[in-house]
């Protein structure tokens, strides 16, 4: 009997303990985790309760030391409104308000004349200090309401990838993510209508759930990106300068960790200011890095070389007879200058960017095997990057045609088209010992509890053998050390692998323009254990023909900046002078 009583007391004590623990946890979330939010909403209800305070999760940049900086967040201020029926002297009221902030007098007087309307909005997004000053002035007929809106501190930085929230039209007239990560992660960033004022126990268990099993709240979190704001700002400066200098239609770039697929900077220019997108050009709201395909030209030769080395049909010492031009299926294939080089080794295919040499490798690899390499690299499909509206690459010419000429042109990057993200994914295999990874921006979700959930982006897929990519890398390093700007840009302490690309732009009737070009440049370093891969391009630059003229120095500028910023140690000893 006594044992039964003791057991009951133990059960009751355990129950009381659990209730106390739940209350403590609840207080923690109310006072610590959501304290500021409750304070704002309490103030909102005290001043005015006409509508729910806007809420949405944040998007963060990540500095090299792990510090998070806001890329998309919430700004707080006030809405200024009036009740015209209470305004006895509109002129005096206007004068009082004008002493605190700029107001359109004509619009104010028009609103003040609507005496049958109890609520007229005079201004939104009024700064904190101004709103508080007006509230303290207690102007009759004037009220301030707590307001919160979406803010983009980086402005134009990665704006096409961060995106923006906006109202739609028709049945879709709701405020939600419309472009970029705002759209891709809209379900994660959106917040429920009941917000913090929901059922006590429902909230309590929801919060516990985020701490313990992370299930119900998996749809509501902040997102943390791998974008470094310092690198992003530097990339934006370089892209703008190139575009302005050469009068290009568009200039873009991506910097990625080839081992993980984490993108630390990406953008195109021209773009728009996400914090003021309503005044931006809608033509720039889309993201060319995933929505536009381009023929990248000679940077593809590096992949062709790796395919030849991996399949064993050539070795670095292999030679061929370069005649300057060859004819395949009645169509001429020529080097950029149409000059013959005679008997040359494989190195010259990359060093001199020889189209005939690339066609020679593709022919030896064979149609089926050559096509298989490019498809395994992901060049004909979407990458799976966490950005909306991605389109697949185009390998149509080598998927449907049995002719040698289509494979020859594909070998030097013409006749096939990829998005910039697809291109850096494929080229990343050279920097990652033959394995391709999934490019991505978001590395983790962070819940209100502070718990972070790291995101998994799949395992690398081996396409080339490490031996084939090491040999290709050695050849690309030699390009930088001896051919790029005649070797004057070589970094003695750091091995850098790189290749330029100049592609003709397709015109009407299946022909190529004689004077319009697409320039590209890619490279990675330290070459044999790469930390970063960079892809740059500029579309239709004016007054120049070759990518070596437009993108070589921007690439090297970014390379030096990354080496210094991340303090990347040298991987080779400088040669004594």
Protein backbone atom coordinates (compact mmCIF):
# COMPACT_ATOMS: atom_id res chain seq x y z
CA UNK A 1 0.00 0.00 0.00
CA UNK A 2 2.74 2.47 1.00
CA UNK A 3 4.70 1.49 -2.12
CA UNK A 4 1.69 2.33 -4.30
CA UNK A 5 1.33 5.72 -2.60
CA UNK A 6 5.04 6.43 -3.07
CA UNK A 7 4.79 5.51 -6.77
CA UNK A 8 1.82 7.86 -7.21
CA UNK A 9 3.73 10.67 -5.48
CA UNK A 10 6.69 10.06 -7.76
CA UNK A 11 4.46 10.23 -10.81
CA UNK A 12 2.84 13.45 -9.56
CA UNK A 13 6.26 14.93 -8.75
CA UNK A 14 7.54 14.00 -12.21
CA UNK A 15 4.48 15.59 -13.79
CA UNK A 16 4.97 18.80 -11.80
CA UNK A 17 8.63 18.84 -12.76
CA UNK A 18 7.79 18.48 -16.44
CA UNK A 19 5.20 21.26 -16.23
CA UNK A 20 7.74 23.52 -14.54
CA UNK A 21 10.31 22.65 -17.19
CA UNK A 22 7.83 23.49 -19.95
CA UNK A 23 7.06 26.82 -18.32
CA UNK A 24 10.77 27.63 -18.03
CA UNK A 25 11.28 26.77 -21.69
CA UNK A 26 8.27 28.90 -22.58
CA UNK A 27 9.66 31.85 -20.64
CA UNK A 28 13.00 31.41 -22.37
CA UNK A 29 11.38 31.69 -25.80
CA UNK A 30 9.19 34.63 -24.74
CA UNK A 31 11.92 36.66 -23.07
CA UNK A 32 15.10 35.66 -24.88
CA UNK A 33 14.42 34.14 -28.29
CA UNK A 34 11.34 36.20 -29.23
CA UNK A 35 11.62 39.03 -26.73
CA UNK A 36 12.17 41.76 -29.28
CA UNK A 37 9.36 40.45 -31.45
CA UNK A 38 6.87 40.45 -28.59
CA UNK A 39 7.95 43.97 -27.64
CA UNK A 40 7.40 45.28 -31.15
CA UNK A 41 3.99 43.67 -31.42
CA UNK A 42 2.93 44.89 -28.01
CA UNK A 43 3.91 48.41 -29.09
CA UNK A 44 2.04 47.90 -32.36
CA UNK A 45 -1.15 46.94 -30.51
CA UNK A 46 -0.76 49.85 -28.11
CA UNK A 47 -0.40 52.38 -30.94
CA UNK A 48 -2.70 50.73 -33.46
CA UNK A 49 -3.93 47.24 -34.25
CA UNK A 50 -5.24 47.85 -37.75
CA UNK A 51 -3.12 45.09 -39.29
CA UNK A 52 -0.67 42.34 -38.41
CA UNK A 53 3.00 43.28 -38.26
CA UNK A 54 4.83 41.91 -41.30
CA UNK A 55 7.12 38.99 -40.54
CA UNK A 56 9.53 36.93 -42.64
CA UNK A 57 12.72 34.97 -42.13
CA UNK A 58 16.12 36.41 -43.00
CA UNK A 59 18.74 35.58 -45.61
CA UNK A 60 22.34 35.91 -44.45
CA UNK A 61 25.75 36.35 -46.06
CA UNK A 62 28.65 34.65 -44.27
CA UNK A 63 32.02 36.32 -43.73
CA UNK A 64 35.21 34.28 -43.64
CA UNK A 65 35.18 34.27 -39.81
CA UNK A 66 31.64 32.89 -39.74
CA UNK A 67 29.98 36.22 -38.91
CA UNK A 68 26.52 36.51 -40.44
CA UNK A 69 25.50 39.72 -42.26
CA UNK A 70 22.00 40.45 -43.44
CA UNK A 71 21.32 40.03 -47.15
CA UNK A 72 17.55 40.19 -46.72
CA UNK A 73 15.87 41.10 -43.44
CA UNK A 74 13.28 43.29 -41.82
CA UNK A 75 13.47 47.05 -41.30
CA UNK A 76 11.29 48.74 -38.69
CA UNK A 77 9.67 52.16 -38.75
CA UNK A 78 6.21 53.71 -38.85
CA UNK A 79 3.23 54.40 -41.08
CA UNK A 80 1.95 57.97 -40.78
CA UNK A 81 -1.83 58.35 -41.12
CA UNK A 82 -4.58 60.87 -40.43
CA UNK A 83 -8.27 60.94 -39.56
CA UNK A 84 -9.49 63.88 -41.73
CA UNK A 85 -12.65 64.31 -39.65
CA UNK A 86 -10.49 65.35 -36.67
CA UNK A 87 -8.40 67.89 -38.59
CA UNK A 88 -9.68 71.38 -37.77
CA UNK A 89 -6.92 73.43 -39.42
CA UNK A 90 -5.18 71.47 -42.24
CA UNK A 91 -2.65 74.26 -42.87
CA UNK A 92 -1.46 74.25 -39.23
CA UNK A 93 -1.39 70.47 -39.11
CA UNK A 94 0.65 70.30 -42.29
CA UNK A 95 3.13 72.86 -40.95
CA UNK A 96 3.64 70.84 -37.76
CA UNK A 97 4.25 67.61 -39.67
CA UNK A 98 6.51 69.32 -42.21
CA UNK A 99 8.80 70.34 -39.36
CA UNK A 100 9.55 66.64 -38.80
CA UNK A 101 9.69 65.30 -42.37
CA UNK A 102 9.13 66.12 -46.04
CA UNK A 103 5.49 65.84 -47.09
CA UNK A 104 3.79 66.60 -50.38
CA UNK A 105 1.51 69.51 -49.44
CA UNK A 106 -0.92 69.01 -52.30
CA UNK A 107 -1.37 65.33 -51.47
CA UNK A 108 -1.79 66.18 -47.78
CA UNK A 109 -4.51 68.74 -48.49
CA UNK A 110 -6.29 66.30 -50.78
CA UNK A 111 -6.34 63.69 -48.01
CA UNK A 112 -7.41 66.24 -45.39
CA UNK A 113 -10.42 67.15 -47.53
CA UNK A 114 -11.79 63.58 -47.33
CA UNK A 115 -13.67 64.24 -44.11
CA UNK A 116 -15.87 61.16 -44.49
CA UNK A 117 -12.84 58.85 -44.59
CA UNK A 118 -11.55 58.02 -41.07
CA UNK A 119 -8.19 56.76 -42.28
CA UNK A 120 -5.82 58.28 -44.85
CA UNK A 121 -2.21 57.10 -45.19
CA UNK A 122 0.21 60.02 -45.52
CA UNK A 123 3.55 58.18 -45.59
CA UNK A 124 4.98 54.72 -45.16
CA UNK A 125 8.38 53.56 -43.97
CA UNK A 126 8.83 56.61 -41.79
CA UNK A 127 12.18 56.37 -39.96
CA UNK A 128 12.13 55.35 -36.30
CA UNK A 129 13.27 58.68 -34.84
CA UNK A 130 10.86 60.71 -36.99
CA UNK A 131 7.87 58.51 -36.14
CA UNK A 132 8.59 58.69 -32.42
CA UNK A 133 8.98 62.47 -32.57
CA UNK A 134 5.59 62.87 -34.30
CA UNK A 135 3.96 60.53 -31.78
CA UNK A 136 5.36 62.55 -28.87
CA UNK A 137 4.09 65.77 -30.47
CA UNK A 138 0.52 64.43 -30.19
CA UNK A 139 -0.79 66.19 -33.29
CA UNK A 140 -4.58 66.02 -33.27
CA UNK A 141 -5.94 63.74 -36.01
CA UNK A 142 -2.52 62.25 -36.75
CA UNK A 143 -1.46 58.75 -35.77
CA UNK A 144 1.66 56.67 -36.23
CA UNK A 145 1.52 52.89 -36.54
CA UNK A 146 4.37 50.47 -36.12
CA UNK A 147 5.39 49.12 -39.55
CA UNK A 148 7.94 46.59 -40.76
CA UNK A 149 9.07 45.86 -44.29
CA UNK A 150 11.60 43.82 -46.27
CA UNK A 151 15.09 45.29 -46.37
CA UNK A 152 18.08 44.49 -48.60
CA UNK A 153 21.21 46.06 -47.07
CA UNK A 154 23.46 44.92 -49.92
CA UNK A 155 21.48 46.89 -52.52
CA UNK A 156 22.70 45.67 -55.90
CA UNK A 157 25.00 43.00 -54.40
CA UNK A 158 23.88 39.57 -55.68
CA UNK A 159 20.42 41.12 -56.13
CA UNK A 160 19.38 38.74 -58.90
CA UNK A 161 20.24 35.77 -56.70
CA UNK A 162 18.88 37.17 -53.41
CA UNK A 163 15.67 38.27 -55.16
CA UNK A 164 12.83 40.30 -53.66
CA UNK A 165 9.32 39.99 -52.24
CA UNK A 166 6.38 41.73 -53.87
CA UNK A 167 2.64 41.53 -54.44
CA UNK A 168 1.43 39.65 -57.49
CA UNK A 169 -1.58 40.37 -59.66
CA UNK A 170 -5.04 38.85 -59.90
CA UNK A 171 -5.54 35.82 -57.66
CA UNK A 172 -1.83 35.88 -56.79
CA UNK A 173 -2.06 39.29 -55.11
CA UNK A 174 -0.14 38.26 -52.00
CA UNK A 175 3.22 39.35 -50.64
CA UNK A 176 5.78 36.62 -51.24
CA UNK A 177 9.15 35.87 -52.80
CA UNK A 178 9.08 36.60 -56.51
CA UNK A 179 12.67 36.11 -57.66
CA UNK A 180 15.95 34.58 -56.50
CA UNK A 181 16.31 32.82 -53.16
CA UNK A 182 13.34 34.79 -51.85
CA UNK A 183 11.26 32.74 -54.27
CA UNK A 184 13.15 29.44 -54.04
CA UNK A 185 13.00 29.39 -50.23
CA UNK A 186 9.65 31.20 -49.90
CA UNK A 187 8.07 28.35 -47.93
CA UNK A 188 10.97 28.41 -45.46
CA UNK A 189 11.09 32.20 -45.11
CA UNK A 190 7.33 32.79 -44.90
CA UNK A 191 5.70 33.04 -41.48
CA UNK A 192 2.24 31.87 -40.43
CA UNK A 193 -0.53 34.41 -40.02
CA UNK A 194 -1.02 33.71 -36.29
CA UNK A 195 2.61 34.58 -35.63
CA UNK A 196 3.58 34.86 -31.97
CA UNK A 197 0.03 35.30 -30.72
CA UNK A 198 -1.05 31.73 -31.38
CA UNK A 199 -2.16 29.16 -28.85
CA UNK A 200 0.19 29.01 -25.86
CA UNK A 201 0.69 25.26 -25.88
CA UNK A 202 0.79 25.01 -29.67
CA UNK A 203 3.65 27.51 -29.69
CA UNK A 204 5.32 25.83 -26.76
CA UNK A 205 5.41 22.45 -28.42
CA UNK A 206 6.34 23.99 -31.76
CA UNK A 207 9.36 25.58 -30.13
CA UNK A 208 10.27 22.38 -28.36
CA UNK A 209 9.87 20.57 -31.64
CA UNK A 210 12.42 22.84 -33.29
CA UNK A 211 14.84 22.08 -30.50
CA UNK A 212 14.30 18.34 -30.28
CA UNK A 213 13.19 16.88 -33.59
CA UNK A 214 13.08 19.86 -35.95
CA UNK A 215 9.97 18.69 -37.79
CA UNK A 216 7.02 21.10 -37.74
CA UNK A 217 9.19 24.22 -37.82
CA UNK A 218 11.29 22.91 -40.72
CA UNK A 219 9.22 25.16 -42.95
CA UNK A 220 10.01 28.31 -40.97
CA UNK A 221 13.65 29.33 -40.66
CA UNK A 222 16.30 31.81 -41.70
CA UNK A 223 18.62 30.72 -44.49
CA UNK A 224 22.39 31.07 -44.33
CA UNK A 225 24.33 31.39 -47.57
CA UNK A 226 27.97 30.76 -48.41
CA UNK A 227 28.20 34.19 -50.07
CA UNK A 228 30.97 36.27 -48.52
CA UNK A 229 29.94 39.96 -48.64
CA UNK A 230 33.54 41.14 -48.99
CA UNK A 231 34.18 38.92 -52.01
CA UNK A 232 30.76 39.75 -53.41
CA UNK A 233 31.51 43.47 -53.29
CA UNK A 234 34.87 42.95 -54.98
CA UNK A 235 33.33 40.82 -57.75
CA UNK A 236 30.66 43.46 -58.36
CA UNK A 237 33.30 46.16 -58.71
CA UNK A 238 35.23 44.09 -61.26
CA UNK A 239 32.15 43.18 -63.31
CA UNK A 240 30.97 46.78 -63.52
CA UNK A 241 34.40 48.02 -64.56
CA UNK A 242 34.70 45.43 -67.34
CA UNK A 243 31.20 46.11 -68.61
CA UNK A 244 31.70 49.87 -68.62
CA UNK A 245 35.16 49.70 -70.16
CA UNK A 246 34.12 47.59 -73.14
CA UNK A 247 30.49 48.63 -73.51
CA UNK A 248 29.30 45.04 -73.16
CA UNK A 249 25.66 44.03 -73.08
CA UNK A 250 26.28 41.94 -69.97
CA UNK A 251 29.19 40.81 -67.80
CA UNK A 252 28.97 38.05 -65.21
CA UNK A 253 31.01 35.99 -62.82
CA UNK A 254 30.91 33.15 -60.28
CA UNK A 255 33.43 32.22 -57.60
CA UNK A 256 32.98 28.73 -56.16
CA UNK A 257 34.65 26.18 -53.92
CA UNK A 258 35.11 23.27 -56.38
CA UNK A 259 35.26 20.67 -53.59
CA UNK A 260 31.90 21.52 -52.00
CA UNK A 261 30.00 23.51 -54.63
CA UNK A 262 29.57 26.42 -52.20
CA UNK A 263 29.36 29.67 -54.13
CA UNK A 264 31.02 32.59 -52.34
CA UNK A 265 30.14 35.28 -54.89
CA UNK A 266 28.07 35.56 -58.07
CA UNK A 267 26.48 38.30 -60.09
CA UNK A 268 25.87 39.89 -63.45
CA UNK A 269 26.01 43.51 -64.52
CA UNK A 270 23.81 45.42 -65.19
CA UNK A 271 21.51 44.43 -62.35
CA UNK A 272 19.14 46.33 -60.02
CA UNK A 273 18.94 47.59 -56.45
CA UNK A 274 16.89 45.08 -54.47
CA UNK A 275 16.13 47.71 -51.82
CA UNK A 276 14.49 49.88 -54.51
CA UNK A 277 13.45 47.30 -57.10
CA UNK A 278 10.23 49.16 -57.96
CA UNK A 279 12.37 51.74 -59.73
CA UNK A 280 14.58 49.10 -61.35
CA UNK A 281 14.46 47.73 -64.88
CA UNK A 282 12.31 44.55 -64.93
CA UNK A 283 14.56 43.26 -67.73
CA UNK A 284 17.25 42.76 -65.09
CA UNK A 285 15.11 40.99 -62.48
CA UNK A 286 15.85 37.56 -63.97
CA UNK A 287 19.14 35.79 -63.35
CA UNK A 288 21.25 35.16 -66.48
CA UNK A 289 23.52 32.83 -64.50
CA UNK A 290 20.78 30.18 -64.52
CA UNK A 291 18.26 31.48 -67.07
CA UNK A 292 20.45 32.18 -70.14
CA UNK A 293 22.53 29.78 -72.24
CA UNK A 294 25.71 30.77 -74.04
CA UNK A 295 28.26 29.17 -76.34
CA UNK A 296 31.35 29.51 -74.15
CA UNK A 297 34.02 28.84 -76.72
CA UNK A 298 37.56 27.73 -76.00
CA UNK A 299 37.35 27.22 -72.24
CA UNK A 300 35.58 23.98 -73.23
CA UNK A 301 38.88 22.78 -74.74
CA UNK A 302 40.09 22.04 -71.22
CA UNK A 303 37.24 19.53 -70.83
CA UNK A 304 37.95 18.10 -74.27
CA UNK A 305 41.60 17.58 -73.29
CA UNK A 306 40.60 15.89 -70.04
CA UNK A 307 38.26 13.59 -71.99
CA UNK A 308 41.08 12.62 -74.34
CA UNK A 309 43.51 11.97 -71.50
CA UNK A 310 40.93 10.09 -69.42
CA UNK A 311 39.93 7.82 -72.30
CA UNK A 312 43.58 7.11 -73.10
CA UNK A 313 43.43 8.18 -76.74
CA UNK A 314 46.08 10.86 -76.11
CA UNK A 315 48.80 11.60 -73.57
CA UNK A 316 50.43 14.98 -72.98
CA UNK A 317 53.30 14.01 -75.29
CA UNK A 318 50.99 12.97 -78.16
CA UNK A 319 51.32 14.96 -81.37
CA UNK A 320 49.20 15.64 -84.43
CA UNK A 321 49.74 17.48 -87.69
CA UNK A 322 48.05 20.86 -87.57
CA UNK A 323 47.07 22.02 -91.07
CA UNK A 324 45.28 25.20 -89.97
CA UNK A 325 41.96 24.05 -91.44
CA UNK A 326 40.23 20.72 -92.00
CA UNK A 327 36.94 19.84 -93.69
CA UNK A 328 34.34 17.71 -91.92
CA UNK A 329 31.02 16.87 -93.60
CA UNK A 330 31.75 19.55 -96.21
CA UNK A 331 32.22 22.23 -93.51
CA UNK A 332 35.58 23.87 -92.76
CA UNK A 333 37.00 23.75 -89.23
CA UNK A 334 39.80 26.26 -88.75
CA UNK A 335 42.09 27.68 -86.11
CA UNK A 336 41.28 31.23 -85.08
CA UNK A 337 43.97 32.56 -87.46
CA UNK A 338 43.66 29.75 -90.03
CA UNK A 339 47.41 29.16 -89.78
CA UNK A 340 49.00 25.70 -89.83
CA UNK A 341 51.39 24.77 -87.01
CA UNK A 342 52.75 21.52 -88.41
CA UNK A 343 53.48 18.72 -85.95
CA UNK A 344 52.58 19.95 -82.44
CA UNK A 345 52.09 18.30 -79.02
CA UNK A 346 48.89 18.37 -76.99
CA UNK A 347 50.12 21.27 -74.86
CA UNK A 348 49.80 23.61 -77.84
CA UNK A 349 46.10 22.78 -78.23
CA UNK A 350 45.59 24.68 -74.97
CA UNK A 351 48.49 27.11 -75.12
CA UNK A 352 47.63 28.33 -78.62
CA UNK A 353 43.92 27.45 -78.35
CA UNK A 354 43.86 25.38 -81.54
CA UNK A 355 40.44 24.40 -82.89
CA UNK A 356 41.91 21.80 -85.23
CA UNK A 357 43.66 20.15 -82.30
CA UNK A 358 40.44 20.02 -80.28
CA UNK A 359 38.63 18.45 -83.24
CA UNK A 360 41.45 15.91 -83.50
CA UNK A 361 40.95 14.85 -79.85
CA UNK A 362 37.17 14.62 -80.22
CA UNK A 363 37.55 12.41 -83.29
CA UNK A 364 39.88 10.04 -81.44
CA UNK A 365 37.60 9.88 -78.38
CA UNK A 366 34.64 8.95 -80.59
CA UNK A 367 31.08 10.18 -80.68
CA UNK A 368 29.49 8.04 -78.01
CA UNK A 369 32.27 8.36 -75.48
CA UNK A 370 32.74 12.10 -76.09
CA UNK A 371 29.02 12.74 -75.63
CA UNK A 372 28.99 10.61 -72.47
CA UNK A 373 31.73 12.71 -70.86
CA UNK A 374 29.88 15.96 -71.47
CA UNK A 375 26.60 14.53 -70.20
CA UNK A 376 28.24 13.18 -67.03
CA UNK A 377 29.60 16.67 -66.44
CA UNK A 378 25.98 17.86 -66.39
CA UNK A 379 26.31 20.06 -69.46
CA UNK A 380 22.95 19.12 -70.96
CA UNK A 381 20.81 19.39 -67.85
CA UNK A 382 19.97 21.54 -64.85
CA UNK A 383 22.51 21.65 -62.03
CA UNK A 384 19.99 21.61 -59.18
CA UNK A 385 21.27 24.90 -57.78
CA UNK A 386 18.94 26.54 -55.26
CA UNK A 387 17.76 29.30 -57.58
CA UNK A 388 14.44 29.41 -59.46
CA UNK A 389 13.85 29.27 -63.20
CA UNK A 390 17.01 27.30 -64.04
CA UNK A 391 17.02 26.00 -67.61
CA UNK A 392 18.92 22.95 -68.88
CA UNK A 393 22.00 23.14 -71.06
CA UNK A 394 21.80 22.44 -74.77
CA UNK A 395 23.74 19.50 -76.22
CA UNK A 396 21.25 19.04 -79.03
CA UNK A 397 23.90 19.06 -81.78
CA UNK A 398 25.78 16.07 -80.40
CA UNK A 399 22.69 14.26 -79.12
CA UNK A 400 20.89 14.13 -82.45
CA UNK A 401 23.53 14.30 -85.16
CA UNK A 402 25.87 11.50 -86.25
CA UNK A 403 28.16 13.94 -88.10
CA UNK A 404 31.77 14.53 -87.10
CA UNK A 405 31.48 18.29 -87.57
CA UNK A 406 29.06 18.73 -84.64
CA UNK A 407 31.46 16.91 -82.30
CA UNK A 408 34.41 18.91 -83.61
CA UNK A 409 32.72 22.25 -82.95
CA UNK A 410 31.49 21.09 -79.53
CA UNK A 411 35.11 20.23 -78.68
CA UNK A 412 36.00 23.92 -78.82
CA UNK A 413 32.76 25.22 -77.29
CA UNK A 414 30.64 26.15 -80.31
CA UNK A 415 27.30 24.62 -81.26
CA UNK A 416 26.55 23.66 -77.64
CA UNK A 417 25.28 26.10 -75.02
CA UNK A 418 25.28 26.13 -71.23
CA UNK A 419 24.29 28.48 -68.45
CA UNK A 420 27.21 29.97 -66.50
CA UNK A 421 26.32 27.83 -63.46
CA UNK A 422 26.35 24.67 -65.60
CA UNK A 423 29.68 25.71 -67.06
CA UNK A 424 31.38 26.23 -63.70
CA UNK A 425 29.96 22.94 -62.45
CA UNK A 426 31.54 21.09 -65.39
CA UNK A 427 34.85 22.95 -65.19
CA UNK A 428 34.90 22.39 -61.45
CA UNK A 429 35.65 18.71 -62.13
CA UNK A 430 39.13 19.73 -63.33
CA UNK A 431 39.75 21.53 -60.03
CA UNK A 432 38.29 18.69 -57.94
CA UNK A 433 40.34 15.73 -59.14
CA UNK A 434 37.71 14.69 -61.68
CA UNK A 435 34.58 14.86 -59.51
CA UNK A 436 31.59 17.15 -60.10
CA UNK A 437 29.60 18.69 -57.25
CA UNK A 438 26.30 20.55 -57.04
CA UNK A 439 26.69 24.35 -57.05
CA UNK A 440 24.62 25.91 -54.27
CA UNK A 441 24.14 29.06 -52.21
CA UNK A 442 22.48 28.03 -48.95
CA UNK A 443 24.52 25.99 -46.49
CA UNK A 444 22.15 25.88 -43.51
CA UNK A 445 18.76 26.78 -42.07
CA UNK A 446 18.57 28.49 -38.68
CA UNK A 447 15.45 28.11 -36.60
CA UNK A 448 14.05 30.54 -34.03
CA UNK A 449 15.51 28.40 -31.28
CA UNK A 450 18.98 29.11 -32.63
CA UNK A 451 19.42 25.53 -33.81
CA UNK A 452 21.11 25.25 -37.22
CA UNK A 453 20.45 22.47 -39.70
CA UNK A 454 23.21 21.95 -42.24
CA UNK A 455 21.97 21.17 -45.74
CA UNK A 456 23.27 18.20 -47.72
CA UNK A 457 23.93 18.64 -51.43
CA UNK A 458 24.71 15.10 -52.50
CA UNK A 459 27.98 13.28 -53.03
CA UNK A 460 30.52 14.22 -55.72
CA UNK A 461 30.25 12.20 -58.93
CA UNK A 462 33.51 11.02 -60.45
CA UNK A 463 33.74 11.78 -64.17
CA UNK A 464 37.49 11.86 -64.87
CA UNK A 465 40.28 10.01 -63.12
CA UNK A 466 42.46 12.12 -60.82
CA UNK A 467 45.40 11.30 -63.10
CA UNK A 468 43.63 12.76 -66.16
CA UNK A 469 42.71 15.97 -64.37
CA UNK A 470 46.20 16.36 -62.88
CA UNK A 471 47.71 16.16 -66.35
CA UNK A 472 45.14 18.64 -67.68
CA UNK A 473 45.87 20.93 -64.75
CA UNK A 474 49.63 20.84 -65.45
CA UNK A 475 48.91 21.89 -69.01
CA UNK A 476 46.64 24.75 -67.86
CA UNK A 477 49.28 25.91 -65.37
CA UNK A 478 51.76 26.06 -68.22
CA UNK A 479 49.28 28.21 -70.16
CA UNK A 480 49.34 30.76 -67.31
CA UNK A 481 53.09 30.52 -66.68
CA UNK A 482 54.19 30.89 -70.30
CA UNK A 483 51.38 32.05 -72.61
CA UNK A 484 48.95 34.25 -70.69
CA UNK A 485 50.22 37.78 -71.30
CA UNK A 486 53.47 36.09 -72.36
CA UNK A 487 53.92 34.74 -68.85
CA UNK A 488 54.09 38.20 -67.26
CA UNK A 489 51.17 37.45 -64.92
CA UNK A 490 52.57 34.23 -63.50
CA UNK A 491 52.48 34.08 -59.69
CA UNK A 492 55.83 32.57 -58.67
CA UNK A 493 54.56 31.31 -55.30
CA UNK A 494 51.16 30.03 -56.47
CA UNK A 495 50.19 27.62 -59.23
CA UNK A 496 47.21 28.91 -61.20
CA UNK A 497 45.45 26.92 -63.92
CA UNK A 498 43.45 28.95 -66.44
CA UNK A 499 42.10 29.19 -69.99
CA UNK A 500 40.50 31.93 -72.09
CA UNK A 501 37.57 31.49 -74.44
CA UNK A 502 36.41 33.56 -77.40
CA UNK A 503 33.22 32.38 -79.12
CA UNK A 504 31.45 33.76 -82.14
CA UNK A 505 27.81 34.61 -81.46
CA UNK A 506 25.17 32.82 -83.51
CA UNK A 507 23.25 35.03 -85.91
CA UNK A 508 20.17 34.48 -88.06
CA UNK A 509 20.12 31.65 -90.57
CA UNK A 510 22.37 29.33 -88.58
CA UNK A 511 25.47 31.41 -89.31
CA UNK A 512 27.85 33.14 -86.91
CA UNK A 513 28.46 36.86 -86.71
CA UNK A 514 31.83 38.05 -87.98
CA UNK A 515 32.21 40.82 -85.41
CA UNK A 516 30.16 39.89 -82.32
CA UNK A 517 31.88 37.80 -79.65
CA UNK A 518 31.26 36.15 -76.31
CA UNK A 519 34.33 36.21 -74.06
CA UNK A 520 34.91 33.80 -71.19
CA UNK A 521 37.71 32.99 -68.77
CA UNK A 522 38.05 30.33 -66.09
CA UNK A 523 40.77 29.38 -63.68
CA UNK A 524 41.45 27.76 -60.31
CA UNK A 525 44.11 27.84 -57.61
CA UNK A 526 46.14 26.51 -55.92
CA UNK A 527 46.06 24.44 -59.07
CA UNK A 528 46.69 20.97 -57.60
CA UNK A 529 44.56 21.38 -54.47
CA UNK A 530 42.14 24.09 -55.53
CA UNK A 531 40.42 26.31 -53.00
CA UNK A 532 38.51 28.39 -55.55
CA UNK A 533 37.44 28.34 -59.17
CA UNK A 534 36.48 31.54 -60.98
CA UNK A 535 34.36 31.87 -64.12
CA UNK A 536 34.03 35.24 -65.86
CA UNK A 537 32.29 36.23 -69.07
CA UNK A 538 31.34 39.34 -70.99
CA UNK A 539 28.85 39.45 -73.84
CA UNK A 540 29.47 41.48 -76.99
CA UNK A 541 32.35 43.68 -75.78
CA UNK A 542 33.09 46.52 -78.19
CA UNK A 543 36.41 47.23 -79.89
CA UNK A 544 38.14 43.97 -78.85
CA UNK A 545 38.13 40.47 -80.30
CA UNK A 546 39.76 38.14 -77.78
CA UNK A 547 38.94 37.27 -74.19
CA UNK A 548 42.62 37.55 -73.31
CA UNK A 549 42.21 41.31 -73.83
CA UNK A 550 39.09 41.78 -71.69
CA UNK A 551 39.18 39.21 -68.89
CA UNK A 552 42.79 38.26 -68.15
CA UNK A 553 43.54 41.15 -65.80
CA UNK A 554 40.14 41.00 -64.03
CA UNK A 555 40.71 37.29 -63.37
CA UNK A 556 44.18 37.87 -61.98
CA UNK A 557 42.92 40.78 -59.87
CA UNK A 558 40.31 38.53 -58.28
CA UNK A 559 42.88 35.76 -57.83
CA UNK A 560 45.29 38.02 -55.94
CA UNK A 561 42.42 39.41 -53.87
CA UNK A 562 41.25 35.94 -52.82
CA UNK A 563 44.79 34.80 -52.00
CA UNK A 564 45.31 37.82 -49.74
CA UNK A 565 41.84 37.83 -48.19
CA UNK A 566 41.89 34.16 -47.24
CA UNK A 567 45.66 34.10 -46.58
CA UNK A 568 46.06 31.09 -48.88
CA UNK A 569 49.58 29.72 -48.39
CA UNK A 570 51.89 29.34 -51.42
CA UNK A 571 52.05 25.92 -53.02
CA UNK A 572 55.36 26.30 -54.82
CA UNK A 573 58.68 27.93 -54.07
CA UNK A 574 59.54 30.99 -56.15
CA UNK A 575 62.32 30.52 -58.66
CA UNK A 576 65.49 32.32 -57.59
CA UNK A 577 66.41 35.20 -59.87
